[in-house]
Amino acid sequence: MTVPPRPAGFVPGPDDVAVVGFCQAPAVRETTGTTNGTEMLVPIFQQLYADLGIERTDIGFWCSGSSDYLSGRAFSFISSVDAIGAVPPIDESHVEMDGAWALYEAYVKLRTEETDTAMVYGFGKSSAGNLRRTLAMQTDPYTVAPLWPDSLALAGLQARLGIEAGLWDERAMAEVAARSLRTGTGSDWAQFGADTDADALLAEPMIADPLRRHDCPPITDGAAAVVLARGERAFELCDNPAWITGISHRIDSAELGGRDLTSSPSARDAGADATGGDLAGITVAELHAPFTHQELILRRALGLDDRADVTINPSGGPLVGNPMFAAGLERIGHAAAAVIDGRADRALAHATSGPLLQQNLVCVLEGRNR
């Protein structure tokens, strides 16, 4: 859905929704002393309360994104409520997806005017098991998941299809990785970084032909949280809220042989819906592309290939920190932060869920000062 444009100096309507706060836990290879997300969430909740000058009881709705398969226990998200404190009772919901989809649910909740604030969070402890095998549970449960396909092998097949079709090559993939790694060296949010270039990366061995280590996302434990506010409440909490002017999500076939893996119609359609077909003014794009070649697919699908004025993943992106079920929400958070602190007037954020870009969400955020 796309919100009609409002002039500068506008008075927000009761159904205008904005991001007013964002915080994430450090992206690390492995958190110690915890088997769930509770310990990762408490510090970022406290930071958001302090940043916005609010208390827990000021939040009208809570919505989380996580996965029982990742944690290895049923209803694992219930334990995360310990980070909130459920007494007095709270209005809470959960999605078994990336936290970006929890944000979509909270956005719809706010637009119904049932509440004026929401806390959205996502978390995942990828180091607790074998992530490459666990992600097989996202595939078709009848014909694919029983084969336990390795997630890197599937991504390698997708990358190879694009190379053989002449859509990209290994150097183009390495250039994506080199940019992300260089950005990671100056990012407080990145798990790691490196001052490198495509030539150096292409000299490294392959781990899932044609993928090298730098083409793949790292194992990351982490969490992120975003605060949404509606109408005038947004200006009470933030001087320059990042207003959500478009948000949409689409899904492609779960059958890997039933879709063209070298393109992403769902990302294209979600992007067209969220932007209204207008990319003017977008100078920051945070793309949730876990693999280098997937960024190339997304840039083409979203119309960003020829936009030299758009900075892709100034946070470093998922190639330098990829907490499962929080990385997509982080893309929205970083895009919103660029608007809130004045680095961008209009920003685009993308999140994906499922195997090989199966599900895609696009969110457009804009600054609209009084």
Protein backbone atom coordinates (compact mmCIF):
# COMPACT_ATOMS: atom_id res chain seq x y z
CA MET A 1 0.00 0.00 0.00
CA THR A 2 1.14 3.54 -0.76
CA VAL A 3 0.16 6.57 1.30
CA PRO A 4 -0.80 9.65 -0.78
CA PRO A 5 1.92 12.34 -0.71
CA ARG A 6 1.61 15.06 1.89
CA PRO A 7 3.17 18.52 1.52
CA ALA A 8 6.14 19.69 3.58
CA GLY A 9 5.00 21.11 6.88
CA PHE A 10 2.07 18.74 7.00
CA VAL A 11 0.00 17.94 10.05
CA PRO A 12 -0.02 14.14 10.33
CA GLY A 13 -3.33 12.40 10.03
CA PRO A 14 -4.42 9.80 12.57
CA ASP A 15 -3.41 6.97 10.23
CA ASP A 16 0.06 8.29 9.36
CA VAL A 17 2.67 5.95 10.85
CA ALA A 18 6.38 6.62 11.36
CA VAL A 19 9.50 4.96 12.69
CA VAL A 20 10.67 7.01 15.67
CA GLY A 21 13.36 4.76 17.14
CA PHE A 22 15.70 1.93 16.21
CA CYS A 23 18.30 -0.10 18.06
CA GLN A 24 20.07 -3.39 17.45
CA ALA A 25 22.22 -5.75 19.46
CA PRO A 26 25.86 -6.21 18.45
CA ALA A 27 26.24 -8.63 15.53
CA VAL A 28 28.44 -11.42 16.82
CA ARG A 29 29.37 -14.92 15.71
CA GLU A 30 28.13 -16.41 18.97
CA THR A 31 26.56 -15.02 22.11
CA THR A 32 27.65 -16.73 25.31
CA GLY A 33 25.54 -17.47 28.34
CA THR A 34 22.20 -17.49 26.51
CA THR A 35 20.08 -20.01 24.66
CA ASN A 36 17.41 -17.53 23.51
CA GLY A 37 16.86 -13.93 22.59
CA THR A 38 15.90 -12.56 25.99
CA GLU A 39 19.37 -11.45 27.03
CA MET A 40 19.94 -9.82 23.63
CA LEU A 41 16.64 -7.94 23.76
CA VAL A 42 16.76 -6.41 27.25
CA PRO A 43 19.60 -3.94 26.51
CA ILE A 44 18.09 -2.69 23.24
CA PHE A 45 14.65 -2.22 24.81
CA GLN A 46 16.25 -0.23 27.61
CA GLN A 47 18.19 1.86 25.09
CA LEU A 48 15.01 2.71 23.17
CA TYR A 49 13.17 3.68 26.36
CA ALA A 50 16.04 6.03 27.22
CA ASP A 51 16.36 7.45 23.69
CA LEU A 52 12.64 8.23 23.42
CA GLY A 53 12.02 9.19 27.03
CA ILE A 54 9.33 6.56 27.51
CA GLU A 55 8.59 3.62 29.76
CA ARG A 56 7.51 0.09 28.93
CA THR A 57 3.90 0.93 29.77
CA ASP A 58 3.87 3.63 27.07
CA ILE A 59 4.01 0.95 24.35
CA GLY A 60 0.52 0.05 23.16
CA PHE A 61 1.34 -3.00 21.03
CA TRP A 62 4.22 -5.46 20.80
CA CYS A 63 4.99 -7.67 17.82
CA SER A 64 7.95 -10.01 17.32
CA GLY A 65 9.53 -12.11 14.59
CA SER A 66 11.53 -15.26 15.29
CA SER A 67 11.57 -19.00 14.54
CA ASP A 68 10.96 -22.09 16.62
CA TYR A 69 13.05 -24.06 14.10
CA LEU A 70 16.06 -21.85 14.76
CA SER A 71 15.83 -22.16 18.54
CA GLY A 72 14.81 -25.81 18.54
CA ARG A 73 11.87 -25.43 20.90
CA ALA A 74 8.13 -24.92 20.50
CA PHE A 75 6.71 -21.46 21.19
CA SER A 76 10.22 -20.15 21.73
CA PHE A 77 9.07 -16.56 21.26
CA ILE A 78 7.18 -16.76 24.56
CA SER A 79 10.50 -16.67 26.41
CA SER A 80 11.27 -13.33 24.79
CA VAL A 81 8.31 -11.81 26.61
CA ASP A 82 10.50 -12.08 29.71
CA ALA A 83 12.50 -9.22 28.18
CA ILE A 84 9.34 -7.10 28.14
CA GLY A 85 7.69 -8.02 31.40
CA ALA A 86 4.15 -9.25 30.94
CA VAL A 87 2.70 -7.82 34.15
CA PRO A 88 0.63 -5.75 33.83
CA PRO A 89 -0.71 -7.60 30.75
CA ILE A 90 0.41 -6.45 27.30
CA ASP A 91 -1.10 -6.58 23.81
CA GLU A 92 1.35 -8.87 22.01
CA SER A 93 1.62 -10.80 18.75
CA HIS A 94 4.20 -12.81 16.83
CA VAL A 95 5.09 -13.86 13.29
CA GLU A 96 7.19 -16.91 12.39
CA MET A 97 9.17 -14.76 9.95
CA ASP A 98 11.69 -11.98 9.87
CA GLY A 99 10.84 -9.07 12.14
CA ALA A 100 10.09 -6.94 9.06
CA TRP A 101 6.80 -8.81 8.75
CA ALA A 102 6.11 -8.13 12.42
CA LEU A 103 6.56 -4.46 11.54
CA TYR A 104 3.97 -4.83 8.80
CA GLU A 105 1.50 -6.29 11.29
CA ALA A 106 2.19 -3.48 13.75
CA TYR A 107 1.81 -0.91 10.96
CA VAL A 108 -1.65 -2.26 10.12
CA LYS A 109 -2.54 -2.30 13.84
CA LEU A 110 -1.60 1.36 14.20
CA ARG A 111 -3.56 2.39 11.11
CA THR A 112 -6.70 0.92 12.68
CA GLU A 113 -6.16 3.57 15.41
CA GLU A 114 -6.41 0.98 18.17
CA THR A 115 -3.17 2.31 19.66
CA ASP A 116 -0.63 5.02 18.90
CA THR A 117 2.68 3.26 19.62
CA ALA A 118 4.18 -0.15 18.89
CA MET A 119 7.45 -1.93 19.60
CA VAL A 120 8.56 -4.36 16.88
CA TYR A 121 11.46 -6.72 17.40
CA GLY A 122 13.18 -9.69 15.81
CA PHE A 123 15.84 -12.01 17.17
CA GLY A 124 17.75 -15.17 16.38
CA LYS A 125 20.61 -17.24 17.75
CA SER A 126 21.97 -18.87 14.61
CA SER A 127 25.00 -20.33 16.37
CA ALA A 128 22.90 -22.75 18.42
CA GLY A 129 22.65 -25.35 15.64
CA ASN A 130 23.61 -26.15 12.07
CA LEU A 131 22.08 -23.20 10.22
CA ARG A 132 22.75 -24.58 6.74
CA ARG A 133 20.59 -27.62 7.58
CA THR A 134 18.01 -25.77 9.67
CA LEU A 135 17.17 -23.48 6.75
CA ALA A 136 16.08 -26.54 4.77
CA MET A 137 12.89 -26.37 6.85
CA GLN A 138 11.91 -23.26 4.86
CA THR A 139 11.62 -25.27 1.66
CA ASP A 140 8.62 -27.21 0.37
CA PRO A 141 7.80 -29.74 3.13
CA TYR A 142 6.77 -32.53 0.75
CA THR A 143 9.31 -32.66 -2.06
CA VAL A 144 12.34 -30.60 -0.99
CA ALA A 145 12.72 -30.40 2.79
CA PRO A 146 12.97 -34.22 3.21
CA LEU A 147 16.15 -34.08 1.10
CA TRP A 148 17.72 -31.63 3.61
CA PRO A 149 19.17 -29.34 0.92
CA ASP A 150 22.09 -27.23 2.11
CA SER A 151 21.23 -23.51 1.99
CA LEU A 152 24.61 -22.60 0.49
CA ALA A 153 24.24 -25.28 -2.18
CA LEU A 154 20.81 -23.91 -3.15
CA ALA A 155 22.22 -20.39 -3.35
CA GLY A 156 25.09 -21.73 -5.45
CA LEU A 157 22.62 -23.19 -7.92
CA GLN A 158 20.86 -19.82 -8.13
CA ALA A 159 24.16 -17.98 -8.66
CA ARG A 160 25.25 -20.47 -11.33
CA LEU A 161 21.97 -20.06 -13.23
CA GLY A 162 22.53 -16.31 -13.42
CA ILE A 163 26.12 -16.69 -14.57
CA GLU A 164 25.19 -19.18 -17.28
CA ALA A 165 22.39 -16.86 -18.44
CA GLY A 166 24.87 -13.97 -18.73
CA LEU A 167 23.05 -11.89 -16.10
CA TRP A 168 26.11 -11.46 -13.86
CA ASP A 169 29.57 -12.91 -13.35
CA GLU A 170 31.84 -13.76 -10.43
CA ARG A 171 33.52 -10.35 -10.58
CA ALA A 172 30.20 -8.54 -10.22
CA MET A 173 29.48 -10.70 -7.18
CA ALA A 174 32.93 -10.00 -5.72
CA GLU A 175 32.45 -6.26 -6.19
CA VAL A 176 29.28 -6.43 -4.08
CA ALA A 177 31.20 -8.25 -1.35
CA ALA A 178 34.17 -5.87 -1.49
CA ARG A 179 31.91 -2.84 -1.06
CA SER A 180 30.11 -4.43 1.90
CA LEU A 181 33.37 -5.46 3.56
CA ARG A 182 34.87 -1.98 3.16
CA THR A 183 31.72 -0.45 4.62
CA GLY A 184 31.89 -2.92 7.48
CA THR A 185 35.29 -1.56 8.57
CA GLY A 186 33.68 1.76 9.53
CA SER A 187 30.35 0.44 10.83
CA ASP A 188 29.47 0.06 14.49
CA TRP A 189 26.87 -2.50 13.44
CA ALA A 190 28.95 -4.86 11.34
CA GLN A 191 30.20 -8.20 12.60
CA PHE A 192 33.45 -7.65 10.70
CA GLY A 193 34.92 -5.73 7.79
CA ALA A 194 37.98 -5.66 5.54
CA ASP A 195 39.81 -3.22 3.32
CA THR A 196 39.78 -5.33 0.16
CA ASP A 197 38.90 -5.38 -3.52
CA ALA A 198 37.35 -7.75 -6.05
CA ASP A 199 40.71 -9.09 -7.29
CA ALA A 200 41.73 -10.19 -3.81
CA LEU A 201 38.37 -11.82 -3.17
CA LEU A 202 38.37 -13.72 -6.48
CA ALA A 203 41.64 -15.37 -5.46
CA GLU A 204 39.91 -17.11 -2.56
CA PRO A 205 38.71 -20.74 -2.86
CA MET A 206 35.09 -21.66 -3.56
CA ILE A 207 32.93 -23.28 -0.89
CA ALA A 208 29.81 -23.93 -3.00
CA ASP A 209 30.65 -23.32 -6.65
CA PRO A 210 30.43 -20.49 -7.72
CA LEU A 211 30.18 -19.09 -4.18
CA ARG A 212 33.20 -18.12 -2.10
CA ARG A 213 33.13 -17.30 1.59
CA HIS A 214 32.60 -13.59 0.95
CA ASP A 215 29.55 -14.33 -1.24
CA CYS A 216 27.70 -15.83 1.73
CA PRO A 217 26.25 -14.32 4.91
CA PRO A 218 28.06 -14.97 8.19
CA ILE A 219 26.59 -16.94 11.07
CA THR A 220 25.28 -14.18 13.33
CA ASP A 221 23.53 -13.99 16.67
CA GLY A 222 21.60 -10.78 17.10
CA ALA A 223 18.40 -8.85 17.64
CA ALA A 224 16.83 -5.57 16.60
CA ALA A 225 13.90 -3.41 17.67
CA VAL A 226 11.96 -0.57 16.06
CA VAL A 227 9.44 1.77 17.66
CA LEU A 228 6.50 2.96 15.56
CA ALA A 229 4.21 5.85 16.40
CA ARG A 230 1.06 7.22 14.81
CA GLY A 231 -0.09 10.77 14.09
CA GLU A 232 0.99 13.55 16.44
CA ARG A 233 2.48 11.01 18.83
CA ALA A 234 5.33 10.52 16.36
CA PHE A 235 6.38 14.18 16.64
CA GLU A 236 6.17 13.95 20.42
CA LEU A 237 8.76 11.17 20.39
CA CYS A 238 11.02 12.25 17.52
CA ASP A 239 11.95 15.60 15.95
CA ASN A 240 12.16 14.14 12.45
CA PRO A 241 10.18 10.89 12.23
CA ALA A 242 10.71 8.54 9.28
CA TRP A 243 7.17 8.33 7.91
CA ILE A 244 6.18 5.11 6.20
CA THR A 245 4.78 6.31 2.88
CA GLY A 246 4.62 2.90 1.25
CA ILE A 247 4.89 -0.71 2.36
CA SER A 248 4.05 -3.93 0.55
CA HIS A 249 5.01 -7.58 0.46
CA ARG A 250 4.63 -10.31 -2.13
CA ILE A 251 5.47 -14.00 -2.40
CA ASP A 252 6.77 -16.23 -5.18
CA SER A 253 6.19 -19.95 -5.55
CA ALA A 254 7.57 -22.24 -2.86
CA GLU A 255 8.43 -24.69 -5.65
CA LEU A 256 12.03 -23.91 -6.56
CA GLY A 257 11.49 -25.47 -9.98
CA GLY A 258 8.31 -23.50 -10.50
CA ARG A 259 9.90 -20.04 -10.74
CA ASP A 260 12.80 -18.33 -12.45
CA LEU A 261 15.45 -18.20 -9.73
CA THR A 262 17.42 -15.50 -11.57
CA SER A 263 14.68 -12.90 -11.13
CA SER A 264 12.34 -11.79 -8.36
CA PRO A 265 8.84 -10.87 -9.52
CA SER A 266 7.66 -10.59 -5.92
CA ALA A 267 10.34 -8.01 -5.10
CA ARG A 268 9.53 -6.13 -8.31
CA ASP A 269 5.80 -6.02 -7.54
CA ALA A 270 6.27 -5.16 -3.87
CA GLY A 271 8.65 -2.36 -4.85
CA ALA A 272 6.28 -0.96 -7.48
CA ASP A 273 3.43 -0.98 -4.96
CA ALA A 274 5.43 0.57 -2.11
CA THR A 275 7.02 3.31 -4.23
CA GLY A 276 4.01 3.95 -6.43
CA GLY A 277 6.43 3.44 -9.33
CA ASP A 278 8.33 6.59 -8.34
CA LEU A 279 11.94 6.25 -7.16
CA ALA A 280 12.62 9.99 -7.25
CA GLY A 281 14.37 11.29 -4.16
CA ILE A 282 15.48 7.89 -2.88
CA THR A 283 19.17 8.19 -1.99
CA VAL A 284 19.55 5.28 0.46
CA ALA A 285 18.50 1.67 -0.12
CA GLU A 286 18.98 -1.01 2.50
CA LEU A 287 18.64 -4.39 0.78
CA HIS A 288 18.31 -7.69 2.65
CA ALA A 289 20.43 -9.72 0.22
CA PRO A 290 22.12 -12.54 2.14
CA PHE A 291 24.18 -13.57 -0.92
CA THR A 292 26.08 -11.28 -3.28
CA HIS A 293 24.23 -12.38 -6.41
CA GLN A 294 20.91 -11.77 -4.67
CA GLU A 295 21.77 -8.09 -4.35
CA LEU A 296 22.22 -8.03 -8.13
CA ILE A 297 18.78 -9.63 -8.56
CA LEU A 298 17.16 -7.15 -6.18
CA ARG A 299 18.79 -4.08 -7.69
CA ARG A 300 17.40 -5.06 -11.07
CA ALA A 301 13.96 -5.92 -9.69
CA LEU A 302 13.67 -2.65 -7.76
CA GLY A 303 14.96 -0.42 -10.55
CA LEU A 304 18.17 0.53 -8.72
CA ASP A 305 20.72 -0.78 -11.22
CA ASP A 306 21.22 2.54 -12.98
CA ARG A 307 20.83 4.78 -9.95
CA ALA A 308 24.34 6.03 -9.17
CA ASP A 309 22.83 8.52 -6.70
CA VAL A 310 21.52 5.72 -4.45
CA THR A 311 23.81 4.36 -1.73
CA ILE A 312 23.24 0.63 -1.30
CA ASN A 313 23.53 -0.77 2.23
CA PRO A 314 25.44 2.06 3.95
CA SER A 315 25.13 -0.05 7.12
CA GLY A 316 27.19 -2.81 5.51
CA GLY A 317 24.19 -5.06 4.97
CA PRO A 318 23.70 -8.77 5.72
CA LEU A 319 27.04 -9.79 4.20
CA VAL A 320 28.78 -8.35 7.29
CA GLY A 321 26.13 -9.30 9.86
CA ASN A 322 23.07 -11.46 9.26
CA PRO A 323 21.08 -12.23 12.44
CA MET A 324 18.31 -14.56 11.31
CA PHE A 325 14.81 -13.09 11.71
CA ALA A 326 16.22 -9.68 12.58
CA ALA A 327 18.30 -8.75 9.50
CA GLY A 328 15.28 -7.63 7.46
CA LEU A 329 13.98 -5.50 10.32
CA GLU A 330 17.46 -4.03 10.62
CA ARG A 331 17.27 -2.89 6.99
CA ILE A 332 14.11 -0.92 7.82
CA GLY A 333 15.72 0.41 10.98
CA HIS A 334 18.87 1.61 9.21
CA ALA A 335 16.87 3.18 6.37
CA ALA A 336 14.70 4.96 8.93
CA ALA A 337 17.77 6.12 10.85
CA ALA A 338 19.12 7.72 7.67
CA VAL A 339 15.92 9.76 7.43
CA ILE A 340 15.72 10.59 11.13
CA ASP A 341 19.28 11.93 11.31
CA GLY A 342 18.98 13.85 8.03
CA ARG A 343 21.25 11.73 5.78
CA ALA A 344 18.32 11.03 3.45
CA ASP A 345 14.97 12.64 2.68
CA ARG A 346 13.59 9.43 1.20
CA ALA A 347 14.89 5.89 1.74
CA LEU A 348 13.94 2.40 0.66
CA ALA A 349 14.23 -0.75 2.77
CA HIS A 350 13.84 -4.35 1.66
CA ALA A 351 13.46 -7.59 3.61
CA THR A 352 13.28 -11.18 2.46
CA SER A 353 12.18 -14.44 4.03
CA GLY A 354 12.12 -18.04 2.83
CA PRO A 355 14.53 -19.74 0.42
CA LEU A 356 16.18 -17.87 -2.46
CA LEU A 357 14.24 -14.58 -2.20
CA GLN A 358 10.88 -16.34 -2.08
CA GLN A 359 9.12 -13.65 -0.03
CA ASN A 360 9.91 -9.95 -0.27
CA LEU A 361 8.81 -6.83 1.57
CA VAL A 362 9.59 -3.25 0.53
CA CYS A 363 9.14 -0.20 2.74
CA VAL A 364 9.59 3.46 1.75
CA LEU A 365 10.35 6.03 4.44
CA GLU A 366 10.33 9.81 4.16
CA GLY A 367 11.06 12.82 6.31
CA ARG A 368 8.14 15.24 6.60
CA ASN A 369 8.98 18.04 8.97
CA ARG A 370 6.45 20.47 10.28
